């Protein structure tokens, strides 16, 4: 049975999934699958977390060597460290597919002015979403270190076009910026943006500083998403997809339809690895 190790190296964390032939069954039309049984993450600034992946991956391989598909936005140094980790895990040099942004993938056209300047994570995430939701106009929101909003539009010829999007500081970056650049505001993290903050967003205000900070950052994020969704909706039906490590925090602040997926970049790597 062939195996594929899918790796999404983001700005802060490495996310991975282990896919085999028996996990590749097609999902019902119009749904976003998670075609793997094993997945995880590691903070790539923590060497111990990377080292722990060696045993995990070696156990899944059971003596075999998978094909490895990687999207990396974190730079050459972490790429080199991950390649070394893979060598330690499999005792041989696995075939590494370092995915790059291209002008097109299948019937999805990259509409960026300079296609190669589009972040590979945004491109591969769009490939994953379009693979399973063809013929639909999509607003793809990835809430990570940065929050990205990407637009894929359905075309009259049956194909699709990546139109571009927005990049703004992620929830954690917004919270950290307030703590670093003000004299008396407390430091919060994404875990502090819970139900109270979401309620404060909907109520247009908070009665304490903690929730006021959290709600303010969530409202800024949600405002960008909802404005983009409304503008796209004026052209026709649009489907909003929410992914990324801060998706749970952002989801409570959104007053519009959306659906969540664990990791659209991994889904895109899966589509590329299986030729789908």
C-alpha atoms as a PDB file:
ATOM      1  CA  UNK A   1       0.000   0.000   0.000  1.00  0.00           C
ATOM      2  CA  UNK A   2       1.491   3.329  -1.029  1.00  0.00           C
ATOM      3  CA  UNK A   3       1.803   6.018   1.623  1.00  0.00           C
ATOM      4  CA  UNK A   4       2.125   9.782   1.416  1.00  0.00           C
ATOM      5  CA  UNK A   5       3.366  12.137   4.100  1.00  0.00           C
ATOM      6  CA  UNK A   6       1.900  15.606   3.609  1.00  0.00           C
ATOM      7  CA  UNK A   7       3.661  18.500   5.356  1.00  0.00           C
ATOM      8  CA  UNK A   8       2.545  22.123   5.676  1.00  0.00           C
ATOM      9  CA  UNK A   9       5.374  24.234   7.134  1.00  0.00           C
ATOM     10  CA  UNK A  10       3.752  27.462   8.243  1.00  0.00           C
ATOM     11  CA  UNK A  11       5.269  30.532   9.888  1.00  0.00           C
ATOM     12  CA  UNK A  12       4.945  29.087  13.380  1.00  0.00           C
ATOM     13  CA  UNK A  13       4.050  25.401  13.178  1.00  0.00           C
ATOM     14  CA  UNK A  14       4.574  22.374  11.011  1.00  0.00           C
ATOM     15  CA  UNK A  15       1.342  20.486  10.313  1.00  0.00           C
ATOM     16  CA  UNK A  16       1.366  17.003   8.824  1.00  0.00           C
ATOM     17  CA  UNK A  17      -0.938  14.198   7.717  1.00  0.00           C
ATOM     18  CA  UNK A  18      -0.327  10.570   6.744  1.00  0.00           C
ATOM     19  CA  UNK A  19      -2.358   9.399   3.755  1.00  0.00           C
ATOM     20  CA  UNK A  20      -2.611   5.873   2.353  1.00  0.00           C
ATOM     21  CA  UNK A  21      -4.623   4.262  -0.429  1.00  0.00           C
ATOM     22  CA  UNK A  22      -7.360   3.157   1.962  1.00  0.00           C
ATOM     23  CA  UNK A  23      -7.951   6.738   3.153  1.00  0.00           C
ATOM     24  CA  UNK A  24      -8.388   8.163  -0.334  1.00  0.00           C
ATOM     25  CA  UNK A  25     -12.047   7.249  -0.798  1.00  0.00           C
ATOM     26  CA  UNK A  26     -13.990  10.018  -2.500  1.00  0.00           C
ATOM     27  CA  UNK A  27     -16.153  12.240  -0.339  1.00  0.00           C
ATOM     28  CA  UNK A  28     -19.787  13.003  -1.196  1.00  0.00           C
ATOM     29  CA  UNK A  29     -20.046  15.748  -3.825  1.00  0.00           C
ATOM     30  CA  UNK A  30     -19.880  19.235  -2.405  1.00  0.00           C
ATOM     31  CA  UNK A  31     -18.118  18.271   0.827  1.00  0.00           C
ATOM     32  CA  UNK A  32     -14.605  18.761   2.114  1.00  0.00           C
ATOM     33  CA  UNK A  33     -13.031  15.475   3.235  1.00  0.00           C
ATOM     34  CA  UNK A  34     -10.165  14.769   5.611  1.00  0.00           C
ATOM     35  CA  UNK A  35      -8.557  11.877   3.691  1.00  0.00           C
ATOM     36  CA  UNK A  36      -6.133  10.728   6.377  1.00  0.00           C
ATOM     37  CA  UNK A  37      -6.354   8.918   9.711  1.00  0.00           C
ATOM     38  CA  UNK A  38      -3.168  10.279  11.276  1.00  0.00           C
ATOM     39  CA  UNK A  39      -2.176  13.919  11.606  1.00  0.00           C
ATOM     40  CA  UNK A  40      -0.358  16.221  13.982  1.00  0.00           C
ATOM     41  CA  UNK A  41       1.616  19.412  14.445  1.00  0.00           C
ATOM     42  CA  UNK A  42       4.875  20.663  15.919  1.00  0.00           C
ATOM     43  CA  UNK A  43       6.214  24.106  16.716  1.00  0.00           C
ATOM     44  CA  UNK A  44       9.242  24.238  14.471  1.00  0.00           C
ATOM     45  CA  UNK A  45      11.123  26.607  16.780  1.00  0.00           C
ATOM     46  CA  UNK A  46      11.133  23.771  19.347  1.00  0.00           C
ATOM     47  CA  UNK A  47      13.764  21.174  18.346  1.00  0.00           C
ATOM     48  CA  UNK A  48      12.322  18.617  20.771  1.00  0.00           C
ATOM     49  CA  UNK A  49       8.957  18.720  19.010  1.00  0.00           C
ATOM     50  CA  UNK A  50      10.588  18.157  15.628  1.00  0.00           C
ATOM     51  CA  UNK A  51      12.689  15.316  17.045  1.00  0.00           C
ATOM     52  CA  UNK A  52       9.556  13.645  18.423  1.00  0.00           C
ATOM     53  CA  UNK A  53       8.200  13.343  14.880  1.00  0.00           C
ATOM     54  CA  UNK A  54      10.940  10.855  13.984  1.00  0.00           C
ATOM     55  CA  UNK A  55       9.421   8.050  16.052  1.00  0.00           C
ATOM     56  CA  UNK A  56       5.875   8.898  15.034  1.00  0.00           C
ATOM     57  CA  UNK A  57       6.610   8.855  11.313  1.00  0.00           C
ATOM     58  CA  UNK A  58       8.847   5.795  11.567  1.00  0.00           C
ATOM     59  CA  UNK A  59       6.052   3.889  13.287  1.00  0.00           C
ATOM     60  CA  UNK A  60       3.533   4.826  10.626  1.00  0.00           C
ATOM     61  CA  UNK A  61       5.924   3.807   7.840  1.00  0.00           C
ATOM     62  CA  UNK A  62       6.436   0.339   9.352  1.00  0.00           C
ATOM     63  CA  UNK A  63       9.666  -0.138   7.457  1.00  0.00           C
ATOM     64  CA  UNK A  64       8.546   1.540   4.248  1.00  0.00           C
ATOM     65  CA  UNK A  65       9.409   4.930   2.825  1.00  0.00           C
ATOM     66  CA  UNK A  66       6.544   7.242   1.847  1.00  0.00           C
ATOM     67  CA  UNK A  67       6.484   9.897  -0.816  1.00  0.00           C
ATOM     68  CA  UNK A  68       6.649  13.277   0.892  1.00  0.00           C
ATOM     69  CA  UNK A  69       4.879  16.417  -0.310  1.00  0.00           C
ATOM     70  CA  UNK A  70       5.835  19.690   1.349  1.00  0.00           C
ATOM     71  CA  UNK A  71       4.582  23.284   1.219  1.00  0.00           C
ATOM     72  CA  UNK A  72       7.020  25.572   3.054  1.00  0.00           C
ATOM     73  CA  UNK A  73       6.594  29.290   3.752  1.00  0.00           C
ATOM     74  CA  UNK A  74       9.021  29.395   6.699  1.00  0.00           C
ATOM     75  CA  UNK A  75      12.282  29.550   4.754  1.00  0.00           C
ATOM     76  CA  UNK A  76      15.294  27.446   3.859  1.00  0.00           C
ATOM     77  CA  UNK A  77      16.605  26.852   7.374  1.00  0.00           C
ATOM     78  CA  UNK A  78      13.479  25.118   8.630  1.00  0.00           C
ATOM     79  CA  UNK A  79      13.213  23.283   5.309  1.00  0.00           C
ATOM     80  CA  UNK A  80      16.693  21.874   5.868  1.00  0.00           C
ATOM     81  CA  UNK A  81      15.811  20.840   9.426  1.00  0.00           C
ATOM     82  CA  UNK A  82      12.666  19.064   8.253  1.00  0.00           C
ATOM     83  CA  UNK A  83      14.593  17.254   5.515  1.00  0.00           C
ATOM     84  CA  UNK A  84      17.065  16.032   8.157  1.00  0.00           C
ATOM     85  CA  UNK A  85      14.184  14.896  10.363  1.00  0.00           C
ATOM     86  CA  UNK A  86      12.733  12.928   7.455  1.00  0.00           C
ATOM     87  CA  UNK A  87      16.091  11.267   6.856  1.00  0.00           C
ATOM     88  CA  UNK A  88      16.264  10.255  10.520  1.00  0.00           C
ATOM     89  CA  UNK A  89      12.727   8.897  10.417  1.00  0.00           C
ATOM     90  CA  UNK A  90      13.066   6.670   7.378  1.00  0.00           C
ATOM     91  CA  UNK A  91      16.729   5.730   7.342  1.00  0.00           C
ATOM     92  CA  UNK A  92      16.861   6.525   3.652  1.00  0.00           C
ATOM     93  CA  UNK A  93      16.386   9.572   1.517  1.00  0.00           C
ATOM     94  CA  UNK A  94      12.659   9.730   0.753  1.00  0.00           C
ATOM     95  CA  UNK A  95      11.488  11.423  -2.425  1.00  0.00           C
ATOM     96  CA  UNK A  96      10.698  15.003  -1.406  1.00  0.00           C
ATOM     97  CA  UNK A  97       8.290  17.030  -3.487  1.00  0.00           C
ATOM     98  CA  UNK A  98       8.850  20.663  -2.531  1.00  0.00           C
ATOM     99  CA  UNK A  99       5.710  22.231  -3.970  1.00  0.00           C
ATOM    100  CA  UNK A 100       6.023  25.611  -5.682  1.00  0.00           C
ATOM    101  CA  UNK A 101       3.413  28.104  -6.801  1.00  0.00           C
ATOM    102  CA  UNK A 102       2.685  27.831 -10.525  1.00  0.00           C
ATOM    103  CA  UNK A 103       0.648  29.716 -13.102  1.00  0.00           C
ATOM    104  CA  UNK A 104      -2.021  27.005 -13.107  1.00  0.00           C
ATOM    105  CA  UNK A 105      -2.905  23.639 -11.650  1.00  0.00           C
ATOM    106  CA  UNK A 106      -5.384  21.636 -13.681  1.00  0.00           C
ATOM    107  CA  UNK A 107      -8.273  23.964 -14.458  1.00  0.00           C
ATOM    108  CA  UNK A 108      -7.398  26.408 -11.657  1.00  0.00           C
ATOM    109  CA  UNK A 109      -5.623  29.487 -13.056  1.00  0.00           C
ATOM    110  CA  UNK A 110      -3.428  31.661 -10.870  1.00  0.00           C
ATOM    111  CA  UNK A 111      -4.571  35.251 -11.410  1.00  0.00           C
ATOM    112  CA  UNK A 112      -1.798  36.883  -9.388  1.00  0.00           C
ATOM    113  CA  UNK A 113       0.021  39.624 -11.334  1.00  0.00           C
ATOM    114  CA  UNK A 114       3.262  37.703 -10.737  1.00  0.00           C
ATOM    115  CA  UNK A 115       2.054  34.132 -10.136  1.00  0.00           C
ATOM    116  CA  UNK A 116       5.251  32.964  -8.429  1.00  0.00           C
ATOM    117  CA  UNK A 117       4.884  35.726  -5.801  1.00  0.00           C
ATOM    118  CA  UNK A 118       1.752  34.086  -4.399  1.00  0.00           C
ATOM    119  CA  UNK A 119       2.495  32.248  -1.157  1.00  0.00           C
ATOM    120  CA  UNK A 120       2.612  28.511  -1.743  1.00  0.00           C
ATOM    121  CA  UNK A 121       0.329  27.884   1.237  1.00  0.00           C
ATOM    122  CA  UNK A 122      -2.386  30.108  -0.231  1.00  0.00           C
ATOM    123  CA  UNK A 123      -2.009  28.478  -3.649  1.00  0.00           C
ATOM    124  CA  UNK A 124      -2.079  24.899  -2.366  1.00  0.00           C
ATOM    125  CA  UNK A 125      -5.008  25.649  -0.036  1.00  0.00           C
ATOM    126  CA  UNK A 126      -6.944  26.962  -3.018  1.00  0.00           C
ATOM    127  CA  UNK A 127      -6.103  23.819  -4.989  1.00  0.00           C
ATOM    128  CA  UNK A 128      -7.465  21.698  -2.150  1.00  0.00           C
ATOM    129  CA  UNK A 129     -10.680  23.677  -1.817  1.00  0.00           C
ATOM    130  CA  UNK A 130     -11.313  23.809  -5.564  1.00  0.00           C
ATOM    131  CA  UNK A 131     -10.571  20.095  -5.991  1.00  0.00           C
ATOM    132  CA  UNK A 132     -13.513  19.166  -3.798  1.00  0.00           C
ATOM    133  CA  UNK A 133     -15.799  22.120  -4.535  1.00  0.00           C
ATOM    134  CA  UNK A 134     -15.485  22.618  -8.301  1.00  0.00           C
ATOM    135  CA  UNK A 135     -17.803  25.068  -9.965  1.00  0.00           C
ATOM    136  CA  UNK A 136     -18.205  27.167  -6.814  1.00  0.00           C
ATOM    137  CA  UNK A 137     -16.982  30.639  -5.942  1.00  0.00           C
ATOM    138  CA  UNK A 138     -15.036  30.382  -2.685  1.00  0.00           C
ATOM    139  CA  UNK A 139     -13.875  32.757   0.021  1.00  0.00           C
ATOM    140  CA  UNK A 140     -11.034  30.867   1.700  1.00  0.00           C
ATOM    141  CA  UNK A 141     -10.119  32.200   5.148  1.00  0.00           C
ATOM    142  CA  UNK A 142      -7.002  30.846   6.846  1.00  0.00           C
ATOM    143  CA  UNK A 143      -6.582  32.085  10.414  1.00  0.00           C
ATOM    144  CA  UNK A 144      -2.941  31.466  11.266  1.00  0.00           C
ATOM    145  CA  UNK A 145       0.035  33.648  12.198  1.00  0.00           C
ATOM    146  CA  UNK A 146      -1.393  35.883   9.487  1.00  0.00           C
ATOM    147  CA  UNK A 147      -5.023  35.780   8.470  1.00  0.00           C
ATOM    148  CA  UNK A 148      -5.436  35.402   4.723  1.00  0.00           C
ATOM    149  CA  UNK A 149      -8.607  35.808   2.677  1.00  0.00           C
ATOM    150  CA  UNK A 150      -8.379  34.284  -0.786  1.00  0.00           C
ATOM    151  CA  UNK A 151     -10.933  34.277  -3.576  1.00  0.00           C
ATOM    152  CA  UNK A 152     -11.466  31.507  -6.118  1.00  0.00           C
ATOM    153  CA  UNK A 153     -14.133  32.216  -8.715  1.00  0.00           C
ATOM    154  CA  UNK A 154     -15.931  29.744 -10.927  1.00  0.00           C
ATOM    155  CA  UNK A 155     -15.482  30.460 -14.649  1.00  0.00           C
ATOM    156  CA  UNK A 156     -17.926  30.099 -17.518  1.00  0.00           C
ATOM    157  CA  UNK A 157     -15.727  27.469 -19.177  1.00  0.00           C
ATOM    158  CA  UNK A 158     -16.041  25.190 -16.131  1.00  0.00           C
ATOM    159  CA  UNK A 159     -12.641  26.070 -14.712  1.00  0.00           C
ATOM    160  CA  UNK A 160     -11.720  28.418 -11.884  1.00  0.00           C
ATOM    161  CA  UNK A 161      -9.476  31.398 -11.216  1.00  0.00           C
ATOM    162  CA  UNK A 162      -7.543  32.409  -8.126  1.00  0.00           C
ATOM    163  CA  UNK A 163      -8.376  36.118  -8.027  1.00  0.00           C
ATOM    164  CA  UNK A 164      -6.159  37.250  -5.155  1.00  0.00           C
ATOM    165  CA  UNK A 165      -7.070  38.259  -1.652  1.00  0.00           C
ATOM    166  CA  UNK A 166      -6.139  40.022   1.568  1.00  0.00           C
ATOM    167  CA  UNK A 167      -3.443  39.480   4.185  1.00  0.00           C
ATOM    168  CA  UNK A 168      -3.811  40.900   7.682  1.00  0.00           C
ATOM    169  CA  UNK A 169      -2.159  40.219  11.039  1.00  0.00           C
ATOM    170  CA  UNK A 170      -3.513  37.118  12.706  1.00  0.00           C
ATOM    171  CA  UNK A 171      -5.422  37.180  15.978  1.00  0.00           C
ATOM    172  CA  UNK A 172      -2.316  36.412  18.048  1.00  0.00           C
ATOM    173  CA  UNK A 173      -0.278  39.114  16.271  1.00  0.00           C
ATOM    174  CA  UNK A 174      -2.979  41.702  16.927  1.00  0.00           C
ATOM    175  CA  UNK A 175      -3.168  40.749  20.597  1.00  0.00           C
ATOM    176  CA  UNK A 176       0.616  40.790  20.932  1.00  0.00           C
ATOM    177  CA  UNK A 177       0.931  44.164  19.248  1.00  0.00           C
ATOM    178  CA  UNK A 178      -1.423  45.752  21.775  1.00  0.00           C
ATOM    179  CA  UNK A 179       0.462  44.242  24.699  1.00  0.00           C
ATOM    180  CA  UNK A 180       3.868  45.346  23.372  1.00  0.00           C
ATOM    181  CA  UNK A 181       2.939  48.851  22.344  1.00  0.00           C
ATOM    182  CA  UNK A 182       0.661  50.069  25.123  1.00  0.00           C
ATOM    183  CA  UNK A 183       1.573  50.828  28.727  1.00  0.00           C
ATOM    184  CA  UNK A 184      -1.213  49.187  30.704  1.00  0.00           C
ATOM    185  CA  UNK A 185      -3.030  46.654  28.524  1.00  0.00           C
ATOM    186  CA  UNK A 186      -2.550  43.000  29.511  1.00  0.00           C
ATOM    187  CA  UNK A 187      -0.960  40.378  27.285  1.00  0.00           C
ATOM    188  CA  UNK A 188      -3.492  37.894  25.898  1.00  0.00           C
ATOM    189  CA  UNK A 189      -3.218  34.985  23.513  1.00  0.00           C
ATOM    190  CA  UNK A 190      -5.636  33.225  21.176  1.00  0.00           C
ATOM    191  CA  UNK A 191      -6.850  30.959  23.976  1.00  0.00           C
ATOM    192  CA  UNK A 192      -8.175  34.069  25.729  1.00  0.00           C
ATOM    193  CA  UNK A 193     -10.577  34.849  22.873  1.00  0.00           C
ATOM    194  CA  UNK A 194     -13.359  32.620  24.122  1.00  0.00           C
ATOM    195  CA  UNK A 195     -17.121  32.807  24.399  1.00  0.00           C
ATOM    196  CA  UNK A 196     -17.055  36.079  26.348  1.00  0.00           C
ATOM    197  CA  UNK A 197     -15.134  37.828  23.606  1.00  0.00           C
ATOM    198  CA  UNK A 198     -17.416  36.405  20.910  1.00  0.00           C
ATOM    199  CA  UNK A 199     -20.470  37.644  22.804  1.00  0.00           C
ATOM    200  CA  UNK A 200     -18.862  41.064  23.133  1.00  0.00           C
ATOM    201  CA  UNK A 201     -18.330  41.218  19.364  1.00  0.00           C
ATOM    202  CA  UNK A 202     -22.014  40.542  18.776  1.00  0.00           C
ATOM    203  CA  UNK A 203     -23.040  43.006  21.508  1.00  0.00           C
ATOM    204  CA  UNK A 204     -20.732  45.691  20.073  1.00  0.00           C
ATOM    205  CA  UNK A 205     -18.930  46.145  23.346  1.00  0.00           C
ATOM    206  CA  UNK A 206     -17.396  44.545  26.437  1.00  0.00           C
ATOM    207  CA  UNK A 207     -17.648  45.478  30.111  1.00  0.00           C
ATOM    208  CA  UNK A 208     -14.058  44.566  31.009  1.00  0.00           C
ATOM    209  CA  UNK A 209     -10.619  45.232  29.538  1.00  0.00           C
ATOM    210  CA  UNK A 210      -9.796  41.569  28.899  1.00  0.00           C
ATOM    211  CA  UNK A 211     -12.864  40.986  26.726  1.00  0.00           C
ATOM    212  CA  UNK A 212     -12.605  44.444  25.149  1.00  0.00           C
ATOM    213  CA  UNK A 213      -9.145  43.590  23.792  1.00  0.00           C
ATOM    214  CA  UNK A 214     -10.101  40.108  22.660  1.00  0.00           C
ATOM    215  CA  UNK A 215     -13.370  41.293  21.123  1.00  0.00           C
ATOM    216  CA  UNK A 216     -11.684  44.200  19.358  1.00  0.00           C
ATOM    217  CA  UNK A 217      -9.177  41.927  17.639  1.00  0.00           C
ATOM    218  CA  UNK A 218     -11.860  39.387  16.731  1.00  0.00           C
ATOM    219  CA  UNK A 219     -14.146  42.135  15.409  1.00  0.00           C
ATOM    220  CA  UNK A 220     -11.378  43.414  13.138  1.00  0.00           C
ATOM    221  CA  UNK A 221     -10.849  39.926  11.758  1.00  0.00           C
ATOM    222  CA  UNK A 222     -14.547  39.204  11.382  1.00  0.00           C
ATOM    223  CA  UNK A 223     -15.160  42.573   9.736  1.00  0.00           C
ATOM    224  CA  UNK A 224     -12.664  41.829   6.973  1.00  0.00           C
ATOM    225  CA  UNK A 225     -14.198  38.406   6.378  1.00  0.00           C
ATOM    226  CA  UNK A 226     -17.806  39.585   6.407  1.00  0.00           C
ATOM    227  CA  UNK A 227     -17.127  42.575   4.156  1.00  0.00           C
ATOM    228  CA  UNK A 228     -15.400  40.325   1.598  1.00  0.00           C
ATOM    229  CA  UNK A 229     -18.215  37.792   1.805  1.00  0.00           C
ATOM    230  CA  UNK A 230     -20.880  40.463   1.225  1.00  0.00           C
ATOM    231  CA  UNK A 231     -19.002  41.955  -1.723  1.00  0.00           C
ATOM    232  CA  UNK A 232     -18.619  38.548  -3.361  1.00  0.00           C
ATOM    233  CA  UNK A 233     -22.241  37.742  -2.617  1.00  0.00           C
ATOM    234  CA  UNK A 234     -23.342  40.715  -4.701  1.00  0.00           C
ATOM    235  CA  UNK A 235     -21.926  38.904  -7.744  1.00  0.00           C
ATOM    236  CA  UNK A 236     -23.538  35.545  -7.014  1.00  0.00           C
ATOM    237  CA  UNK A 237     -23.441  32.566  -4.648  1.00  0.00           C
ATOM    238  CA  UNK A 238     -20.282  32.296  -2.557  1.00  0.00           C
ATOM    239  CA  UNK A 239     -19.129  29.679  -0.073  1.00  0.00           C
ATOM    240  CA  UNK A 240     -16.875  30.627   2.851  1.00  0.00           C
ATOM    241  CA  UNK A 241     -14.302  28.132   4.138  1.00  0.00           C
ATOM    242  CA  UNK A 242     -12.488  28.668   7.438  1.00  0.00           C
ATOM    243  CA  UNK A 243      -9.222  26.951   8.301  1.00  0.00           C
ATOM    244  CA  UNK A 244      -6.048  27.600  10.319  1.00  0.00           C
ATOM    245  CA  UNK A 245      -5.006  27.279  13.936  1.00  0.00           C
ATOM    246  CA  UNK A 246      -7.106  30.242  15.140  1.00  0.00           C
ATOM    247  CA  UNK A 247     -10.245  29.170  13.281  1.00  0.00           C
ATOM    248  CA  UNK A 248     -12.137  28.260  16.449  1.00  0.00           C
ATOM    249  CA  UNK A 249     -11.558  31.701  17.942  1.00  0.00           C
ATOM    250  CA  UNK A 250     -12.619  33.498  14.771  1.00  0.00           C
ATOM    251  CA  UNK A 251     -15.617  31.261  14.142  1.00  0.00           C
ATOM    252  CA  UNK A 252     -17.473  32.527  17.211  1.00  0.00           C
ATOM    253  CA  UNK A 253     -17.314  36.102  15.940  1.00  0.00           C
ATOM    254  CA  UNK A 254     -18.633  35.515  12.419  1.00  0.00           C
ATOM    255  CA  UNK A 255     -22.245  36.442  11.666  1.00  0.00           C
ATOM    256  CA  UNK A 256     -22.454  34.679   8.298  1.00  0.00           C
ATOM    257  CA  UNK A 257     -22.497  31.119   6.940  1.00  0.00           C
ATOM    258  CA  UNK A 258     -19.160  29.287   6.829  1.00  0.00           C
ATOM    259  CA  UNK A 259     -17.736  25.823   7.184  1.00  0.00           C
ATOM    260  CA  UNK A 260     -14.503  24.740   8.806  1.00  0.00           C
ATOM    261  CA  UNK A 261     -11.755  22.371   7.729  1.00  0.00           C
ATOM    262  CA  UNK A 262      -8.712  21.228   9.699  1.00  0.00           C
ATOM    263  CA  UNK A 263      -6.146  22.157   7.048  1.00  0.00           C
ATOM    264  CA  UNK A 264      -6.832  23.094   3.428  1.00  0.00           C
ATOM    265  CA  UNK A 265      -3.105  23.149   2.616  1.00  0.00           C
ATOM    266  CA  UNK A 266      -2.822  19.470   3.541  1.00  0.00           C
ATOM    267  CA  UNK A 267      -5.960  18.814   1.496  1.00  0.00           C
ATOM    268  CA  UNK A 268      -4.332  20.527  -1.485  1.00  0.00           C
ATOM    269  CA  UNK A 269      -1.130  18.531  -1.049  1.00  0.00           C
ATOM    270  CA  UNK A 270      -3.240  15.378  -0.983  1.00  0.00           C
ATOM    271  CA  UNK A 271      -4.914  16.364  -4.249  1.00  0.00           C
ATOM    272  CA  UNK A 272      -1.531  16.993  -5.858  1.00  0.00           C
ATOM    273  CA  UNK A 273       0.018  13.798  -4.485  1.00  0.00           C
ATOM    274  CA  UNK A 274      -2.831  11.632  -5.743  1.00  0.00           C
ATOM    275  CA  UNK A 275      -3.134  13.390  -9.098  1.00  0.00           C
ATOM    276  CA  UNK A 276      -6.698  14.395  -8.312  1.00  0.00           C
END
